[in-house]
Amino acid sequence: MSNPFRYFNISPEVIRLAVMMYAKYALSPRNVEELLVDQGIEISRETVIS
């Protein structure tokens, strides 16, 4: 099986965290992006919803 994260420039752990926050807490992609930026992690909304 190929790596599903091969096209992203950000670590798989950050992607998993963003998706978990999006799904578990029913946050909007914008809210997830803002929470991660507050923690010092630069991520775009496109990464959260892809």
N, C-alpha and C. Protein backbone atom coordinates (compact mmCIF):
# COMPACT_ATOMS: atom_id res chain seq x y z
N MET A 1 0.85 -1.19 0.00
CA MET A 1 0.00 0.00 0.00
C MET A 1 0.89 1.24 0.00
N SER A 2 0.55 2.20 -0.84
CA SER A 2 1.36 3.42 -0.92
C SER A 2 1.00 4.38 0.22
N ASN A 3 1.89 5.28 0.48
CA ASN A 3 1.73 6.25 1.56
C ASN A 3 0.67 7.29 1.19
N PRO A 4 -0.43 7.40 1.95
CA PRO A 4 -1.47 8.38 1.61
C PRO A 4 -1.06 9.83 1.84
N PHE A 5 0.05 10.06 2.53
CA PHE A 5 0.51 11.41 2.84
C PHE A 5 1.62 11.87 1.90
N ARG A 6 1.90 11.15 0.85
CA ARG A 6 3.07 11.44 0.00
C ARG A 6 2.99 12.78 -0.72
N TYR A 7 1.80 13.32 -0.92
CA TYR A 7 1.66 14.59 -1.64
C TYR A 7 1.64 15.82 -0.73
N PHE A 8 1.70 15.62 0.57
CA PHE A 8 1.65 16.73 1.52
C PHE A 8 3.05 17.11 1.98
N ASN A 9 3.25 18.39 2.22
CA ASN A 9 4.55 18.87 2.70
C ASN A 9 4.59 19.01 4.21
N ILE A 10 3.58 18.54 4.89
CA ILE A 10 3.50 18.65 6.34
C ILE A 10 3.49 17.23 6.92
N SER A 11 3.89 17.08 8.15
CA SER A 11 4.04 15.75 8.73
C SER A 11 2.67 15.06 8.88
N PRO A 12 2.66 13.75 8.74
CA PRO A 12 1.42 12.98 8.90
C PRO A 12 0.78 13.16 10.28
N GLU A 13 1.59 13.37 11.31
CA GLU A 13 1.04 13.54 12.66
C GLU A 13 0.21 14.80 12.76
N VAL A 14 0.66 15.88 12.13
CA VAL A 14 -0.09 17.14 12.14
C VAL A 14 -1.39 16.98 11.36
N ILE A 15 -1.34 16.29 10.25
CA ILE A 15 -2.56 16.06 9.46
C ILE A 15 -3.55 15.24 10.26
N ARG A 16 -3.08 14.20 10.92
CA ARG A 16 -3.97 13.37 11.74
C ARG A 16 -4.60 14.19 12.87
N LEU A 17 -3.81 15.05 13.51
CA LEU A 17 -4.33 15.90 14.58
C LEU A 17 -5.41 16.84 14.05
N ALA A 18 -5.16 17.46 12.92
CA ALA A 18 -6.13 18.39 12.35
C ALA A 18 -7.43 17.68 11.97
N VAL A 19 -7.32 16.52 11.36
CA VAL A 19 -8.52 15.78 10.96
C VAL A 19 -9.28 15.29 12.19
N MET A 20 -8.55 14.85 13.23
CA MET A 20 -9.20 14.41 14.46
C MET A 20 -9.97 15.55 15.11
N MET A 21 -9.37 16.75 15.14
CA MET A 21 -10.06 17.91 15.72
C MET A 21 -11.30 18.26 14.90
N TYR A 22 -11.17 18.19 13.58
CA TYR A 22 -12.27 18.51 12.67
C TYR A 22 -13.43 17.54 12.87
N ALA A 23 -13.13 16.25 13.00
CA ALA A 23 -14.18 15.23 13.10
C ALA A 23 -14.73 15.10 14.52
N LYS A 24 -13.86 15.00 15.51
CA LYS A 24 -14.28 14.73 16.88
C LYS A 24 -15.04 15.89 17.51
N TYR A 25 -14.58 17.11 17.28
CA TYR A 25 -15.18 18.26 17.93
C TYR A 25 -16.08 19.07 17.02
N ALA A 26 -16.32 18.57 15.80
CA ALA A 26 -17.22 19.22 14.83
C ALA A 26 -16.85 20.69 14.62
N LEU A 27 -15.56 20.94 14.48
CA LEU A 27 -15.08 22.30 14.23
C LEU A 27 -15.05 22.57 12.73
N SER A 28 -15.14 23.81 12.37
CA SER A 28 -15.00 24.17 10.97
C SER A 28 -13.51 24.13 10.61
N PRO A 29 -13.19 23.96 9.33
CA PRO A 29 -11.78 23.98 8.94
C PRO A 29 -11.07 25.27 9.36
N ARG A 30 -11.79 26.37 9.33
CA ARG A 30 -11.19 27.65 9.76
C ARG A 30 -10.84 27.60 11.25
N ASN A 31 -11.73 27.03 12.08
CA ASN A 31 -11.45 26.93 13.52
C ASN A 31 -10.26 26.03 13.80
N VAL A 32 -10.17 24.92 13.06
CA VAL A 32 -9.03 24.01 13.23
C VAL A 32 -7.74 24.73 12.86
N GLU A 33 -7.77 25.45 11.75
CA GLU A 33 -6.59 26.20 11.32
C GLU A 33 -6.17 27.20 12.40
N GLU A 34 -7.12 27.94 12.96
CA GLU A 34 -6.81 28.93 13.99
C GLU A 34 -6.24 28.29 15.25
N LEU A 35 -6.81 27.15 15.67
CA LEU A 35 -6.30 26.47 16.85
C LEU A 35 -4.86 25.99 16.64
N LEU A 36 -4.57 25.47 15.46
CA LEU A 36 -3.22 25.00 15.20
C LEU A 36 -2.23 26.15 15.08
N VAL A 37 -2.65 27.25 14.49
CA VAL A 37 -1.77 28.43 14.41
C VAL A 37 -1.45 28.94 15.81
N ASP A 38 -2.43 28.90 16.70
CA ASP A 38 -2.17 29.30 18.09
C ASP A 38 -1.10 28.43 18.74
N GLN A 39 -0.98 27.18 18.29
CA GLN A 39 0.02 26.26 18.82
C GLN A 39 1.34 26.33 18.05
N GLY A 40 1.40 27.22 17.05
CA GLY A 40 2.63 27.39 16.28
C GLY A 40 2.74 26.49 15.08
N ILE A 41 1.63 25.89 14.66
CA ILE A 41 1.64 24.99 13.51
C ILE A 41 0.92 25.68 12.36
N GLU A 42 1.66 25.99 11.29
CA GLU A 42 1.08 26.63 10.12
C GLU A 42 0.48 25.55 9.22
N ILE A 43 -0.82 25.63 8.98
CA ILE A 43 -1.52 24.65 8.16
C ILE A 43 -2.64 25.38 7.43
N SER A 44 -3.00 24.90 6.27
CA SER A 44 -4.08 25.54 5.51
C SER A 44 -5.38 24.75 5.66
N ARG A 45 -6.48 25.41 5.40
CA ARG A 45 -7.78 24.74 5.48
C ARG A 45 -7.87 23.59 4.48
N GLU A 46 -7.21 23.72 3.35
CA GLU A 46 -7.24 22.67 2.34
C GLU A 46 -6.66 21.37 2.87
N THR A 47 -5.69 21.45 3.75
CA THR A 47 -5.11 20.25 4.35
C THR A 47 -6.10 19.59 5.29
N VAL A 48 -6.89 20.37 5.99
CA VAL A 48 -7.86 19.83 6.93
C VAL A 48 -8.99 19.11 6.21
N ILE A 49 -9.50 19.70 5.14
CA ILE A 49 -10.67 19.12 4.50
C ILE A 49 -10.35 18.16 3.37
N SER A 50 -9.08 17.94 3.08
CA SER A 50 -8.77 17.00 1.99
C SER A 50 -8.70 15.59 2.48
